[in-house]
Amino acid sequence: MSYIKAEDVLPQELIDTIQQYVDGKLIYIPCKEKQEWGSMTSAKVFYRERNERIYEKYKSGMCLQDIAYSFSLSEKSIQRILRNKKSAVTGNA
């Protein structure tokens, strides 16, 4: 995230008011419309496809330890991915 100077975008009266609450501190101002995670990058697609590959390897009989090693993840992470995937497949989300 890049920062911009308040003086460049806000009127001085507003800066004075904000300084009454957070003088000299960094402050995050969220977007009006919240964007879904991964909507600006390909990360969401990457993880969905990765998790699908993990689930397929598990269904084909590969053990958790080998799956974890091949994806550089912990066995706990693999278990969580499988649990979430199974819930999605059975509709028990």
Protein backbone atom coordinates (compact mmCIF):
# COMPACT_ATOMS: atom_id res chain seq x y z
CA MET A 1 0.00 0.00 0.00
CA SER A 2 1.38 3.40 -0.88
CA TYR A 3 0.86 6.47 1.25
CA ILE A 4 -0.09 9.94 0.14
CA LYS A 5 0.37 13.17 2.04
CA ALA A 6 -2.83 14.52 3.57
CA GLU A 7 -1.81 18.04 2.55
CA ASP A 8 -1.93 16.94 -1.09
CA VAL A 9 -5.54 15.73 -1.04
CA LEU A 10 -7.42 17.11 1.99
CA PRO A 11 -8.50 20.64 2.89
CA GLN A 12 -6.59 22.16 5.83
CA GLU A 13 -9.77 22.40 7.95
CA LEU A 14 -10.26 18.64 7.69
CA ILE A 15 -6.61 17.98 8.51
CA ASP A 16 -6.96 20.17 11.62
CA THR A 17 -10.01 18.18 12.71
CA ILE A 18 -8.30 14.82 12.15
CA GLN A 19 -5.23 16.00 14.07
CA GLN A 20 -7.44 16.44 17.16
CA TYR A 21 -7.80 12.64 17.17
CA VAL A 22 -4.61 11.24 15.62
CA ASP A 23 -1.91 13.92 15.54
CA GLY A 24 1.21 12.69 13.74
CA LYS A 25 0.01 9.07 13.42
CA LEU A 26 -0.62 6.92 10.37
CA ILE A 27 -4.29 6.34 9.70
CA TYR A 28 -5.98 3.98 7.27
CA ILE A 29 -9.12 5.19 5.51
CA PRO A 30 -11.00 2.24 3.98
CA CYS A 31 -12.62 2.28 0.56
CA LYS A 32 -16.33 3.04 0.41
CA GLU A 33 -16.97 -0.17 -1.48
CA LYS A 34 -15.18 -3.15 -0.01
CA GLN A 35 -13.58 -5.32 -2.66
CA GLU A 36 -13.48 -9.07 -2.31
CA TRP A 37 -10.11 -10.55 -1.40
CA GLY A 38 -8.08 -11.46 -4.47
CA SER A 39 -10.24 -9.48 -6.87
CA MET A 40 -7.32 -7.27 -7.93
CA THR A 41 -4.80 -10.10 -8.41
CA SER A 42 -4.73 -13.69 -9.60
CA ALA A 43 -4.13 -15.00 -6.06
CA LYS A 44 -7.69 -16.24 -5.59
CA VAL A 45 -7.52 -18.31 -8.78
CA PHE A 46 -4.04 -19.59 -7.89
CA TYR A 47 -5.12 -20.87 -4.46
CA ARG A 48 -8.38 -22.34 -5.73
CA GLU A 49 -6.51 -24.31 -8.41
CA ARG A 50 -3.79 -25.35 -5.96
CA ASN A 51 -6.37 -26.59 -3.47
CA GLU A 52 -8.14 -28.51 -6.21
CA ARG A 53 -4.86 -30.24 -7.10
CA ILE A 54 -4.31 -31.07 -3.43
CA TYR A 55 -7.80 -32.56 -3.18
CA GLU A 56 -7.30 -34.63 -6.34
CA LYS A 57 -3.99 -36.01 -5.04
CA TYR A 58 -5.69 -36.94 -1.77
CA LYS A 59 -8.58 -38.64 -3.60
CA SER A 60 -6.08 -40.63 -5.70
CA GLY A 61 -4.56 -42.07 -2.51
CA MET A 62 -1.53 -39.88 -1.85
CA CYS A 63 -0.77 -39.59 1.89
CA LEU A 64 -0.98 -36.25 3.72
CA GLN A 65 2.74 -36.16 4.43
CA ASP A 66 3.63 -36.53 0.75
CA ILE A 67 1.05 -33.95 -0.31
CA ALA A 68 2.36 -31.51 2.28
CA TYR A 69 5.92 -32.03 1.10
CA SER A 70 5.07 -31.65 -2.58
CA PHE A 71 3.22 -28.34 -1.98
CA SER A 72 5.63 -27.04 0.71
CA LEU A 73 2.82 -26.84 3.25
CA SER A 74 2.33 -28.26 6.73
CA GLU A 75 0.17 -31.33 7.24
CA LYS A 76 -2.21 -29.14 9.27
CA SER A 77 -2.62 -26.82 6.28
CA ILE A 78 -3.34 -29.79 4.03
CA GLN A 79 -5.92 -31.09 6.53
CA ARG A 80 -7.63 -27.67 6.61
CA ILE A 81 -7.70 -27.46 2.80
CA LEU A 82 -9.14 -30.98 2.55
CA ARG A 83 -11.74 -30.29 5.24
CA ASN A 84 -12.86 -27.11 3.46
CA LYS A 85 -12.90 -28.84 0.08
CA LYS A 86 -14.90 -31.80 1.41
CA SER A 87 -17.41 -29.42 3.02
CA ALA A 88 -17.82 -27.55 -0.27
CA VAL A 89 -18.30 -30.80 -2.21
CA THR A 90 -20.89 -32.19 0.21
CA GLY A 91 -22.61 -28.84 0.75
CA ASN A 92 -21.84 -28.67 4.48
CA ALA A 93 -20.03 -25.34 4.28
